[in-house]
Every structure is written in structure tokens, then in C-alpha cells.
PDB file of N, CA and C in Angstrom:
ATOM      1  N   UNK A   1     -91.524   5.583  39.402  1.00  0.00           N
ATOM      2  CA  UNK A   1     -90.910   5.465  38.042  1.00  0.00           C
ATOM      3  C   UNK A   1     -89.693   5.046  38.248  1.00  0.00           C
ATOM      4  N   UNK A   2     -89.222   5.741  39.152  1.00  0.00           N
ATOM      5  CA  UNK A   2     -87.534   5.949  38.855  1.00  0.00           C
ATOM      6  C   UNK A   2     -86.721   4.630  39.246  1.00  0.00           C
ATOM      7  N   UNK A   3     -87.501   4.329  40.178  1.00  0.00           N
ATOM      8  CA  UNK A   3     -87.445   2.826  40.601  1.00  0.00           C
ATOM      9  C   UNK A   3     -87.494   2.125  40.116  1.00  0.00           C
ATOM     10  N   UNK A   4     -88.476   1.915  39.106  1.00  0.00           N
ATOM     11  CA  UNK A   4     -88.420   1.100  37.972  1.00  0.00           C
ATOM     12  C   UNK A   4     -86.955   0.873  37.491  1.00  0.00           C
ATOM     13  N   UNK A   5     -86.658   2.413  36.848  1.00  0.00           N
ATOM     14  CA  UNK A   5     -85.416   2.839  35.906  1.00  0.00           C
ATOM     15  C   UNK A   5     -84.315   2.193  36.574  1.00  0.00           C
ATOM     16  N   UNK A   6     -84.228   2.466  38.339  1.00  0.00           N
ATOM     17  CA  UNK A   6     -83.343   2.005  38.910  1.00  0.00           C
ATOM     18  C   UNK A   6     -83.034   0.959  39.182  1.00  0.00           C
ATOM     19  N   UNK A   7     -84.058  -0.028  38.738  1.00  0.00           N
ATOM     20  CA  UNK A   7     -84.161  -1.506  38.711  1.00  0.00           C
ATOM     21  C   UNK A   7     -83.860  -2.473  37.613  1.00  0.00           C
ATOM     22  N   UNK A   8     -84.288  -1.903  36.504  1.00  0.00           N
ATOM     23  CA  UNK A   8     -83.359  -2.021  35.498  1.00  0.00           C
ATOM     24  C   UNK A   8     -81.696  -1.710  35.516  1.00  0.00           C
ATOM     25  N   UNK A   9     -81.633  -1.416  35.294  1.00  0.00           N
ATOM     26  CA  UNK A   9     -80.376  -0.596  35.340  1.00  0.00           C
ATOM     27  C   UNK A   9     -79.334  -1.765  36.267  1.00  0.00           C
ATOM     28  N   UNK A  10     -80.030  -2.229  37.503  1.00  0.00           N
ATOM     29  CA  UNK A  10     -78.734  -3.090  38.040  1.00  0.00           C
ATOM     30  C   UNK A  10     -79.279  -4.231  37.478  1.00  0.00           C
ATOM     31  N   UNK A  11     -80.568  -4.588  36.351  1.00  0.00           N
ATOM     32  CA  UNK A  11     -80.389  -5.864  36.348  1.00  0.00           C
ATOM     33  C   UNK A  11     -79.692  -5.923  34.806  1.00  0.00           C
ATOM     34  N   UNK A  12     -79.711  -4.724  34.343  1.00  0.00           N
ATOM     35  CA  UNK A  12     -78.771  -4.930  32.898  1.00  0.00           C
ATOM     36  C   UNK A  12     -77.501  -5.014  33.995  1.00  0.00           C
ATOM     37  N   UNK A  13     -76.636  -4.572  34.535  1.00  0.00           N
ATOM     38  CA  UNK A  13     -75.681  -4.827  34.751  1.00  0.00           C
ATOM     39  C   UNK A  13     -75.319  -5.556  35.266  1.00  0.00           C
ATOM     40  N   UNK A  14     -75.907  -6.825  36.369  1.00  0.00           N
ATOM     41  CA  UNK A  14     -75.800  -8.139  36.817  1.00  0.00           C
ATOM     42  C   UNK A  14     -75.942  -8.849  35.649  1.00  0.00           C
ATOM     43  N   UNK A  15     -76.188  -8.342  34.469  1.00  0.00           N
ATOM     44  CA  UNK A  15     -76.510  -9.468  33.075  1.00  0.00           C
ATOM     45  C   UNK A  15     -74.807  -9.356  32.936  1.00  0.00           C
ATOM     46  N   UNK A  16     -74.805  -7.896  32.610  1.00  0.00           N
ATOM     47  CA  UNK A  16     -73.056  -8.324  31.443  1.00  0.00           C
ATOM     48  C   UNK A  16     -72.633  -8.713  32.624  1.00  0.00           C
ATOM     49  N   UNK A  17     -72.581  -8.332  33.698  1.00  0.00           N
ATOM     50  CA  UNK A  17     -71.272  -8.798  35.000  1.00  0.00           C
ATOM     51  C   UNK A  17     -71.699 -10.789  35.049  1.00  0.00           C
ATOM     52  N   UNK A  18     -72.267 -10.808  34.675  1.00  0.00           N
ATOM     53  CA  UNK A  18     -72.840 -12.576  34.249  1.00  0.00           C
ATOM     54  C   UNK A  18     -71.783 -12.798  33.460  1.00  0.00           C
ATOM     55  N   UNK A  19     -71.883 -12.723  31.954  1.00  0.00           N
ATOM     56  CA  UNK A  19     -71.740 -12.505  30.729  1.00  0.00           C
ATOM     57  C   UNK A  19     -70.439 -12.825  30.837  1.00  0.00           C
ATOM     58  N   UNK A  20     -69.097 -11.756  31.441  1.00  0.00           N
ATOM     59  CA  UNK A  20     -68.640 -11.281  31.475  1.00  0.00           C
ATOM     60  C   UNK A  20     -67.747 -12.875  32.291  1.00  0.00           C
ATOM     61  N   UNK A  21     -67.999 -12.587  33.442  1.00  0.00           N
ATOM     62  CA  UNK A  21     -67.775 -13.834  34.469  1.00  0.00           C
ATOM     63  C   UNK A  21     -67.601 -15.279  33.604  1.00  0.00           C
ATOM     64  N   UNK A  22     -68.517 -15.292  32.465  1.00  0.00           N
ATOM     65  CA  UNK A  22     -68.781 -16.409  32.088  1.00  0.00           C
ATOM     66  C   UNK A  22     -67.471 -16.565  30.587  1.00  0.00           C
ATOM     67  N   UNK A  23     -67.403 -15.433  30.208  1.00  0.00           N
ATOM     68  CA  UNK A  23     -66.710 -15.357  29.151  1.00  0.00           C
ATOM     69  C   UNK A  23     -65.360 -15.149  28.901  1.00  0.00           C
ATOM     70  N   UNK A  24     -64.903 -14.210  30.075  1.00  0.00           N
ATOM     71  CA  UNK A  24     -63.583 -13.864  30.467  1.00  0.00           C
ATOM     72  C   UNK A  24     -62.387 -14.666  30.544  1.00  0.00           C
ATOM     73  N   UNK A  25     -63.088 -16.209  30.817  1.00  0.00           N
ATOM     74  CA  UNK A  25     -62.490 -17.429  31.450  1.00  0.00           C
ATOM     75  C   UNK A  25     -61.821 -17.645  29.831  1.00  0.00           C
ATOM     76  N   UNK A  26     -61.935 -18.183  28.847  1.00  0.00           N
ATOM     77  CA  UNK A  26     -62.453 -18.859  27.597  1.00  0.00           C
ATOM     78  C   UNK A  26     -60.544 -18.034  26.678  1.00  0.00           C
ATOM     79  N   UNK A  27     -60.446 -16.284  26.982  1.00  0.00           N
ATOM     80  CA  UNK A  27     -59.518 -15.967  26.544  1.00  0.00           C
ATOM     81  C   UNK A  27     -58.597 -16.041  27.151  1.00  0.00           C
ATOM     82  N   UNK A  28     -59.357 -15.231  28.118  1.00  0.00           N
ATOM     83  CA  UNK A  28     -57.679 -15.357  29.576  1.00  0.00           C
ATOM     84  C   UNK A  28     -56.808 -16.742  29.495  1.00  0.00           C
ATOM     85  N   UNK A  29     -57.590 -17.823  30.264  1.00  0.00           N
ATOM     86  CA  UNK A  29     -56.914 -18.842  30.725  1.00  0.00           C
ATOM     87  C   UNK A  29     -56.782 -19.755  28.918  1.00  0.00           C
ATOM     88  N   UNK A  30     -56.186 -19.798  27.754  1.00  0.00           N
ATOM     89  CA  UNK A  30     -56.356 -20.447  26.694  1.00  0.00           C
ATOM     90  C   UNK A  30     -55.389 -21.596  26.642  1.00  0.00           C
ATOM     91  N   UNK A  31     -54.811 -21.756  27.695  1.00  0.00           N
ATOM     92  CA  UNK A  31     -53.913 -23.118  27.497  1.00  0.00           C
ATOM     93  C   UNK A  31     -54.204 -24.381  29.481  1.00  0.00           C
ATOM     94  N   UNK A  32     -54.713 -23.543  30.026  1.00  0.00           N
ATOM     95  CA  UNK A  32     -54.820 -24.211  30.847  1.00  0.00           C
ATOM     96  C   UNK A  32     -55.623 -25.164  30.329  1.00  0.00           C
ATOM     97  N   UNK A  33     -55.585 -26.513  31.660  1.00  0.00           N
ATOM     98  CA  UNK A  33     -55.734 -27.372  31.700  1.00  0.00           C
ATOM     99  C   UNK A  33     -56.694 -27.823  33.423  1.00  0.00           C
ATOM    100  N   UNK A  34     -57.447 -28.610  32.853  1.00  0.00           N
ATOM    101  CA  UNK A  34     -58.698 -28.424  34.131  1.00  0.00           C
ATOM    102  C   UNK A  34     -59.075 -29.519  34.434  1.00  0.00           C
ATOM    103  N   UNK A  35     -58.871 -30.400  36.049  1.00  0.00           N
ATOM    104  CA  UNK A  35     -58.828 -31.983  36.381  1.00  0.00           C
ATOM    105  C   UNK A  35     -59.894 -31.553  37.463  1.00  0.00           C
ATOM    106  N   UNK A  36     -60.246 -32.901  37.992  1.00  0.00           N
ATOM    107  CA  UNK A  36     -60.842 -33.157  39.003  1.00  0.00           C
ATOM    108  C   UNK A  36     -60.141 -33.065  39.726  1.00  0.00           C
ATOM    109  N   UNK A  37     -60.727 -33.322  41.516  1.00  0.00           N
ATOM    110  CA  UNK A  37     -59.987 -33.130  42.639  1.00  0.00           C
ATOM    111  C   UNK A  37     -59.354 -34.570  42.798  1.00  0.00           C
ATOM    112  N   UNK A  38     -60.360 -35.621  42.253  1.00  0.00           N
ATOM    113  CA  UNK A  38     -59.919 -36.840  42.558  1.00  0.00           C
ATOM    114  C   UNK A  38     -58.288 -37.076  41.677  1.00  0.00           C
ATOM    115  N   UNK A  39     -58.171 -36.397  40.373  1.00  0.00           N
ATOM    116  CA  UNK A  39     -56.852 -36.461  39.854  1.00  0.00           C
ATOM    117  C   UNK A  39     -56.053 -36.004  40.650  1.00  0.00           C
ATOM    118  N   UNK A  40     -56.021 -34.850  41.232  1.00  0.00           N
ATOM    119  CA  UNK A  40     -55.406 -33.855  42.355  1.00  0.00           C
ATOM    120  C   UNK A  40     -54.993 -34.902  43.200  1.00  0.00           C
ATOM    121  N   UNK A  41     -55.779 -35.438  44.075  1.00  0.00           N
ATOM    122  CA  UNK A  41     -55.556 -36.289  45.199  1.00  0.00           C
ATOM    123  C   UNK A  41     -55.039 -37.209  44.324  1.00  0.00           C
ATOM    124  N   UNK A  42     -54.866 -38.530  43.585  1.00  0.00           N
ATOM    125  CA  UNK A  42     -54.515 -39.674  43.721  1.00  0.00           C
ATOM    126  C   UNK A  42     -52.750 -39.645  43.479  1.00  0.00           C
ATOM    127  N   UNK A  43     -52.570 -38.369  42.693  1.00  0.00           N
ATOM    128  CA  UNK A  43     -51.358 -37.721  42.073  1.00  0.00           C
ATOM    129  C   UNK A  43     -50.268 -37.684  43.220  1.00  0.00           C
ATOM    130  N   UNK A  44     -51.041 -36.812  44.461  1.00  0.00           N
ATOM    131  CA  UNK A  44     -50.462 -36.404  45.663  1.00  0.00           C
ATOM    132  C   UNK A  44     -49.699 -37.272  46.054  1.00  0.00           C
ATOM    133  N   UNK A  45     -51.000 -38.088  46.471  1.00  0.00           N
ATOM    134  CA  UNK A  45     -51.091 -39.156  47.244  1.00  0.00           C
ATOM    135  C   UNK A  45     -49.519 -40.881  46.738  1.00  0.00           C
ATOM    136  N   UNK A  46     -49.568 -40.475  45.382  1.00  0.00           N
ATOM    137  CA  UNK A  46     -48.738 -41.488  44.727  1.00  0.00           C
ATOM    138  C   UNK A  46     -47.054 -40.609  45.143  1.00  0.00           C
ATOM    139  N   UNK A  47     -46.828 -39.632  44.912  1.00  0.00           N
ATOM    140  CA  UNK A  47     -46.208 -38.338  45.187  1.00  0.00           C
ATOM    141  C   UNK A  47     -45.529 -39.205  46.355  1.00  0.00           C
ATOM    142  N   UNK A  48     -46.596 -38.840  47.400  1.00  0.00           N
ATOM    143  CA  UNK A  48     -46.134 -38.354  49.359  1.00  0.00           C
ATOM    144  C   UNK A  48     -45.650 -40.285  48.641  1.00  0.00           C
ATOM    145  N   UNK A  49     -46.502 -41.167  48.502  1.00  0.00           N
ATOM    146  CA  UNK A  49     -46.316 -42.872  48.803  1.00  0.00           C
ATOM    147  C   UNK A  49     -44.525 -43.180  48.278  1.00  0.00           C
ATOM    148  N   UNK A  50     -44.893 -43.035  47.434  1.00  0.00           N
ATOM    149  CA  UNK A  50     -43.470 -42.971  45.819  1.00  0.00           C
ATOM    150  C   UNK A  50     -43.455 -43.839  45.092  1.00  0.00           C
ATOM    151  N   UNK A  51     -45.221 -44.267  45.078  1.00  0.00           N
ATOM    152  CA  UNK A  51     -45.616 -45.927  44.145  1.00  0.00           C
ATOM    153  C   UNK A  51     -46.788 -44.971  43.726  1.00  0.00           C
ATOM    154  N   UNK A  52     -47.701 -45.608  42.377  1.00  0.00           N
ATOM    155  CA  UNK A  52     -48.697 -45.395  42.225  1.00  0.00           C
ATOM    156  C   UNK A  52     -50.102 -45.906  43.050  1.00  0.00           C
ATOM    157  N   UNK A  53     -50.699 -44.812  42.995  1.00  0.00           N
ATOM    158  CA  UNK A  53     -51.864 -44.892  43.871  1.00  0.00           C
ATOM    159  C   UNK A  53     -53.349 -46.370  43.310  1.00  0.00           C
ATOM    160  N   UNK A  54     -53.792 -46.761  43.909  1.00  0.00           N
ATOM    161  CA  UNK A  54     -54.343 -47.695  43.694  1.00  0.00           C
ATOM    162  C   UNK A  54     -55.958 -47.552  44.714  1.00  0.00           C
ATOM    163  N   UNK A  55     -57.003 -47.695  43.713  1.00  0.00           N
ATOM    164  CA  UNK A  55     -58.421 -47.341  44.385  1.00  0.00           C
ATOM    165  C   UNK A  55     -58.461 -48.236  45.232  1.00  0.00           C
ATOM    166  N   UNK A  56     -59.168 -48.236  46.761  1.00  0.00           N
ATOM    167  CA  UNK A  56     -59.921 -48.917  47.487  1.00  0.00           C
ATOM    168  C   UNK A  56     -61.207 -49.449  46.943  1.00  0.00           C
ATOM    169  N   UNK A  57     -61.998 -48.897  46.008  1.00  0.00           N
ATOM    170  CA  UNK A  57     -63.211 -49.820  46.117  1.00  0.00           C
ATOM    171  C   UNK A  57     -62.868 -49.195  44.134  1.00  0.00           C
ATOM    172  N   UNK A  58     -63.971 -49.805  43.506  1.00  0.00           N
ATOM    173  CA  UNK A  58     -64.810 -49.692  42.051  1.00  0.00           C
ATOM    174  C   UNK A  58     -66.541 -49.091  42.278  1.00  0.00           C
ATOM    175  N   UNK A  59     -66.530 -48.564  41.635  1.00  0.00           N
ATOM    176  CA  UNK A  59     -67.842 -47.293  42.106  1.00  0.00           C
ATOM    177  C   UNK A  59     -69.287 -48.901  41.760  1.00  0.00           C
ATOM    178  N   UNK A  60     -69.928 -48.674  41.743  1.00  0.00           N
ATOM    179  CA  UNK A  60     -70.859 -49.720  41.904  1.00  0.00           C
ATOM    180  C   UNK A  60     -71.196 -49.782  40.482  1.00  0.00           C
ATOM    181  N   UNK A  61     -71.743 -48.922  40.176  1.00  0.00           N
ATOM    182  CA  UNK A  61     -72.434 -49.581  38.408  1.00  0.00           C
ATOM    183  C   UNK A  61     -70.789 -49.786  37.844  1.00  0.00           C
ATOM    184  N   UNK A  62     -69.945 -49.901  37.861  1.00  0.00           N
ATOM    185  CA  UNK A  62     -69.057 -50.157  37.092  1.00  0.00           C
ATOM    186  C   UNK A  62     -68.856 -51.611  37.208  1.00  0.00           C
ATOM    187  N   UNK A  63     -68.929 -52.220  38.678  1.00  0.00           N
ATOM    188  CA  UNK A  63     -68.955 -53.763  39.071  1.00  0.00           C
ATOM    189  C   UNK A  63     -70.009 -53.670  38.561  1.00  0.00           C
ATOM    190  N   UNK A  64     -71.599 -53.604  38.102  1.00  0.00           N
ATOM    191  CA  UNK A  64     -72.377 -54.121  37.741  1.00  0.00           C
ATOM    192  C   UNK A  64     -71.998 -54.123  36.018  1.00  0.00           C
ATOM    193  N   UNK A  65     -71.287 -52.881  35.075  1.00  0.00           N
ATOM    194  CA  UNK A  65     -71.047 -52.941  34.154  1.00  0.00           C
ATOM    195  C   UNK A  65     -70.405 -53.741  33.530  1.00  0.00           C
ATOM    196  N   UNK A  66     -69.274 -53.941  34.519  1.00  0.00           N
ATOM    197  CA  UNK A  66     -68.167 -54.516  33.874  1.00  0.00           C
ATOM    198  C   UNK A  66     -66.809 -54.140  32.885  1.00  0.00           C
ATOM    199  N   UNK A  67     -67.322 -52.286  32.617  1.00  0.00           N
ATOM    200  CA  UNK A  67     -66.422 -51.194  32.198  1.00  0.00           C
ATOM    201  C   UNK A  67     -66.710 -50.035  32.702  1.00  0.00           C
ATOM    202  N   UNK A  68     -66.442 -49.052  32.557  1.00  0.00           N
ATOM    203  CA  UNK A  68     -65.747 -47.968  33.217  1.00  0.00           C
ATOM    204  C   UNK A  68     -66.761 -47.269  32.512  1.00  0.00           C
ATOM    205  N   UNK A  69     -67.167 -46.335  32.854  1.00  0.00           N
ATOM    206  CA  UNK A  69     -68.556 -45.671  32.826  1.00  0.00           C
ATOM    207  C   UNK A  69     -68.011 -44.572  32.287  1.00  0.00           C
ATOM    208  N   UNK A  70     -69.288 -44.189  30.715  1.00  0.00           N
ATOM    209  CA  UNK A  70     -68.730 -42.973  30.767  1.00  0.00           C
ATOM    210  C   UNK A  70     -68.667 -41.341  30.861  1.00  0.00           C
ATOM    211  N   UNK A  71     -68.003 -40.552  30.882  1.00  0.00           N
ATOM    212  CA  UNK A  71     -67.730 -39.530  31.470  1.00  0.00           C
ATOM    213  C   UNK A  71     -69.063 -38.345  31.764  1.00  0.00           C
ATOM    214  N   UNK A  72     -69.437 -38.507  30.378  1.00  0.00           N
ATOM    215  CA  UNK A  72     -71.056 -37.781  30.182  1.00  0.00           C
ATOM    216  C   UNK A  72     -72.272 -38.726  31.178  1.00  0.00           C
ATOM    217  N   UNK A  73     -72.022 -39.914  31.376  1.00  0.00           N
ATOM    218  CA  UNK A  73     -73.472 -40.791  32.554  1.00  0.00           C
ATOM    219  C   UNK A  73     -72.597 -40.263  33.950  1.00  0.00           C
ATOM    220  N   UNK A  74     -71.302 -40.115  34.210  1.00  0.00           N
ATOM    221  CA  UNK A  74     -71.442 -39.788  35.201  1.00  0.00           C
ATOM    222  C   UNK A  74     -71.468 -38.544  35.195  1.00  0.00           C
ATOM    223  N   UNK A  75     -71.234 -37.577  34.548  1.00  0.00           N
ATOM    224  CA  UNK A  75     -71.717 -36.077  35.197  1.00  0.00           C
ATOM    225  C   UNK A  75     -72.814 -35.964  34.974  1.00  0.00           C
ATOM    226  N   UNK A  76     -73.848 -37.149  34.591  1.00  0.00           N
ATOM    227  CA  UNK A  76     -75.164 -36.797  34.276  1.00  0.00           C
ATOM    228  C   UNK A  76     -75.797 -36.870  35.667  1.00  0.00           C
ATOM    229  N   UNK A  77     -75.005 -38.272  36.303  1.00  0.00           N
ATOM    230  CA  UNK A  77     -75.474 -38.898  37.742  1.00  0.00           C
ATOM    231  C   UNK A  77     -75.196 -37.826  38.551  1.00  0.00           C
ATOM    232  N   UNK A  78     -73.889 -37.002  38.882  1.00  0.00           N
ATOM    233  CA  UNK A  78     -73.524 -36.079  39.706  1.00  0.00           C
ATOM    234  C   UNK A  78     -74.654 -34.647  39.592  1.00  0.00           C
ATOM    235  N   UNK A  79     -75.581 -34.375  38.615  1.00  0.00           N
ATOM    236  CA  UNK A  79     -76.488 -33.510  38.248  1.00  0.00           C
ATOM    237  C   UNK A  79     -77.634 -34.014  38.979  1.00  0.00           C
ATOM    238  N   UNK A  80     -77.956 -35.331  38.520  1.00  0.00           N
ATOM    239  CA  UNK A  80     -79.385 -35.426  39.480  1.00  0.00           C
ATOM    240  C   UNK A  80     -79.035 -35.542  41.083  1.00  0.00           C
ATOM    241  N   UNK A  81     -77.790 -36.135  41.447  1.00  0.00           N
ATOM    242  CA  UNK A  81     -77.488 -36.258  42.469  1.00  0.00           C
ATOM    243  C   UNK A  81     -77.903 -34.798  43.570  1.00  0.00           C
ATOM    244  N   UNK A  82     -77.219 -33.681  42.652  1.00  0.00           N
ATOM    245  CA  UNK A  82     -76.746 -31.903  42.666  1.00  0.00           C
ATOM    246  C   UNK A  82     -78.515 -31.754  42.682  1.00  0.00           C
ATOM    247  N   UNK A  83     -79.417 -31.926  42.026  1.00  0.00           N
ATOM    248  CA  UNK A  83     -80.970 -31.990  42.039  1.00  0.00           C
ATOM    249  C   UNK A  83     -81.502 -31.881  43.119  1.00  0.00           C
ATOM    250  N   UNK A  84     -81.805 -33.042  42.801  1.00  0.00           N
ATOM    251  CA  UNK A  84     -82.231 -34.095  44.429  1.00  0.00           C
ATOM    252  C   UNK A  84     -81.498 -33.108  45.847  1.00  0.00           C
ATOM    253  N   UNK A  85     -80.251 -33.103  45.938  1.00  0.00           N
ATOM    254  CA  UNK A  85     -80.381 -32.691  47.178  1.00  0.00           C
ATOM    255  C   UNK A  85     -80.462 -30.863  46.610  1.00  0.00           C
ATOM    256  N   UNK A  86     -80.647 -30.033  46.312  1.00  0.00           N
ATOM    257  CA  UNK A  86     -81.720 -28.564  46.319  1.00  0.00           C
ATOM    258  C   UNK A  86     -82.329 -29.102  46.547  1.00  0.00           C
ATOM    259  N   UNK A  87     -83.253 -29.248  45.575  1.00  0.00           N
ATOM    260  CA  UNK A  87     -85.081 -29.685  45.808  1.00  0.00           C
ATOM    261  C   UNK A  87     -85.116 -30.092  47.914  1.00  0.00           C
ATOM    262  N   UNK A  88     -84.442 -31.514  48.251  1.00  0.00           N
ATOM    263  CA  UNK A  88     -84.403 -31.411  49.399  1.00  0.00           C
ATOM    264  C   UNK A  88     -84.534 -29.656  50.306  1.00  0.00           C
ATOM    265  N   UNK A  89     -83.200 -28.820  50.405  1.00  0.00           N
ATOM    266  CA  UNK A  89     -83.040 -28.331  50.827  1.00  0.00           C
ATOM    267  C   UNK A  89     -83.888 -27.158  50.441  1.00  0.00           C
ATOM    268  N   UNK A  90     -84.253 -26.895  49.379  1.00  0.00           N
ATOM    269  CA  UNK A  90     -85.430 -26.174  48.820  1.00  0.00           C
ATOM    270  C   UNK A  90     -87.129 -25.749  49.681  1.00  0.00           C
ATOM    271  N   UNK A  91     -87.115 -27.350  49.951  1.00  0.00           N
ATOM    272  CA  UNK A  91     -88.294 -28.128  50.582  1.00  0.00           C
ATOM    273  C   UNK A  91     -88.481 -27.834  52.257  1.00  0.00           C
ATOM    274  N   UNK A  92     -87.558 -27.577  52.610  1.00  0.00           N
ATOM    275  CA  UNK A  92     -86.726 -27.304  54.303  1.00  0.00           C
ATOM    276  C   UNK A  92     -87.319 -26.036  54.101  1.00  0.00           C
ATOM    277  N   UNK A  93     -86.312 -25.604  53.366  1.00  0.00           N
ATOM    278  CA  UNK A  93     -86.310 -24.217  53.524  1.00  0.00           C
ATOM    279  C   UNK A  93     -87.987 -22.901  52.869  1.00  0.00           C
ATOM    280  N   UNK A  94     -88.381 -23.729  52.759  1.00  0.00           N
ATOM    281  CA  UNK A  94     -89.682 -23.311  51.928  1.00  0.00           C
ATOM    282  C   UNK A  94     -90.605 -23.464  53.524  1.00  0.00           C
ATOM    283  N   UNK A  95     -90.410 -24.849  54.409  1.00  0.00           N
ATOM    284  CA  UNK A  95     -90.903 -25.325  54.899  1.00  0.00           C
ATOM    285  C   UNK A  95     -90.930 -24.404  56.629  1.00  0.00           C
ATOM    286  N   UNK A  96     -89.692 -23.816  56.397  1.00  0.00           N
ATOM    287  CA  UNK A  96     -89.553 -23.048  57.752  1.00  0.00           C
ATOM    288  C   UNK A  96     -90.287 -21.624  57.459  1.00  0.00           C
ATOM    289  N   UNK A  97     -90.378 -21.243  55.892  1.00  0.00           N
ATOM    290  CA  UNK A  97     -90.719 -20.223  55.164  1.00  0.00           C
ATOM    291  C   UNK A  97     -91.657 -20.489  56.323  1.00  0.00           C
ATOM    292  N   UNK A  98     -92.793 -20.676  55.409  1.00  0.00           N
ATOM    293  CA  UNK A  98     -94.216 -20.653  55.644  1.00  0.00           C
ATOM    294  C   UNK A  98     -94.576 -20.925  57.725  1.00  0.00           C
ATOM    295  N   UNK A  99     -93.605 -21.403  57.721  1.00  0.00           N
ATOM    296  CA  UNK A  99     -93.389 -21.759  59.493  1.00  0.00           C
ATOM    297  C   UNK A  99     -93.318 -20.434  60.152  1.00  0.00           C
ATOM    298  N   UNK A 100     -92.842 -19.503  59.669  1.00  0.00           N
ATOM    299  CA  UNK A 100     -92.146 -18.427  60.223  1.00  0.00           C
ATOM    300  C   UNK A 100     -93.830 -17.493  59.681  1.00  0.00           C
ATOM    301  N   UNK A 101     -94.274 -17.443  58.581  1.00  0.00           N
ATOM    302  CA  UNK A 101     -95.734 -17.027  58.663  1.00  0.00           C
ATOM    303  C   UNK A 101     -96.505 -17.456  59.188  1.00  0.00           C
ATOM    304  N   UNK A 102     -97.095 -18.712  59.110  1.00  0.00           N
ATOM    305  CA  UNK A 102     -98.471 -19.237  60.109  1.00  0.00           C
ATOM    306  C   UNK A 102     -98.510 -18.542  61.898  1.00  0.00           C
ATOM    307  N   UNK A 103     -96.398 -18.608  61.935  1.00  0.00           N
ATOM    308  CA  UNK A 103     -96.474 -18.128  63.688  1.00  0.00           C
ATOM    309  C   UNK A 103     -96.158 -16.647  63.666  1.00  0.00           C
ATOM    310  N   UNK A 104     -96.228 -15.904  62.725  1.00  0.00           N
ATOM    311  CA  UNK A 104     -96.424 -14.374  62.608  1.00  0.00           C
ATOM    312  C   UNK A 104     -97.965 -13.679  62.498  1.00  0.00           C
ATOM    313  N   UNK A 105     -98.435 -14.293  61.791  1.00  0.00           N
ATOM    314  CA  UNK A 105    -100.018 -14.442  61.910  1.00  0.00           C
ATOM    315  C   UNK A 105    -100.944 -14.824  63.070  1.00  0.00           C
ATOM    316  N   UNK A 106    -100.245 -16.105  63.476  1.00  0.00           N
ATOM    317  CA  UNK A 106    -101.135 -16.271  64.749  1.00  0.00           C
ATOM    318  C   UNK A 106    -101.043 -15.632  65.858  1.00  0.00           C
ATOM    319  N   UNK A 107     -99.808 -14.495  65.678  1.00  0.00           N
ATOM    320  CA  UNK A 107     -99.278 -14.280  67.123  1.00  0.00           C
ATOM    321  C   UNK A 107    -100.315 -12.728  66.715  1.00  0.00           C
ATOM    322  N   UNK A 108    -100.874 -11.795  65.473  1.00  0.00           N
ATOM    323  CA  UNK A 108    -101.313 -10.841  65.050  1.00  0.00           C
ATOM    324  C   UNK A 108    -102.442 -11.041  65.535  1.00  0.00           C
ATOM    325  N   UNK A 109    -103.148 -12.357  66.076  1.00  0.00           N
ATOM    326  CA  UNK A 109    -104.652 -12.678  66.153  1.00  0.00           C
ATOM    327  C   UNK A 109    -104.282 -12.906  67.486  1.00  0.00           C
ATOM    328  N   UNK A 110    -103.678 -13.462  68.291  1.00  0.00           N
ATOM    329  CA  UNK A 110    -102.918 -12.850  69.659  1.00  0.00           C
ATOM    330  C   UNK A 110    -103.953 -11.451  70.105  1.00  0.00           C
ATOM    331  N   UNK A 111    -103.402 -11.122  70.042  1.00  0.00           N
ATOM    332  CA  UNK A 111    -103.092  -9.197  70.271  1.00  0.00           C
ATOM    333  C   UNK A 111    -104.519  -8.675  70.189  1.00  0.00           C
TER     334      UNK A 111
END
């Protein structure tokens, strides 16, 4: 029974910590501006070269659409790519885990 109470206390502490991690930046960083790494990189290249940075290519979808992709669609595509990658990694890790279980069972049978 004590183990259950300690697990419950741990879970509650972790939930509180997650809420604090998510909420504190809203109050501490009121006037902060967040930009992407692409923007920061192009600004740095412009500073070093002394002229405006020009992209080498345009995204494939922008070529077909003939206009810039909205930010929401761009974020959606990024999230889909992330989900596919996580799914592949989780599948591979699951296969490794199952393989270990199978080899452990075969080792027990042989002894």
C-alpha cells in the first residue's frame, strides 16, 4: 500500500512540474521574440557577407502553388514528418525489444 502512495505522490509531483515548466515562460518572458533557426541563419549570413541573403531554391510545394505556404500548413507538414519519424523509430525499438524477449526465451529452453 505504501508503494502505491509513493507512486501517486511521484505522479502528482511530475504533473505539477510539467505544468510549471509550461506556464512559467509565459510570465517570465513577456516581451521575448522567438524566431526560427532559418531566420537566424539567414540574418547571420547577411551580416557576414554584407548583403542580403538569397535562398538557393524554393520549396517544392511553393513552386507548384505559385505562392508561399501558410505557416499553419507548414507546421502541419512538419508535425506529420515528425510523427512518421517517431513511428518508424518506435517500430524499430519494439522489434529490438521483442527480439530480445524471443532470444531470452530460447536461451531458457536450451538450458
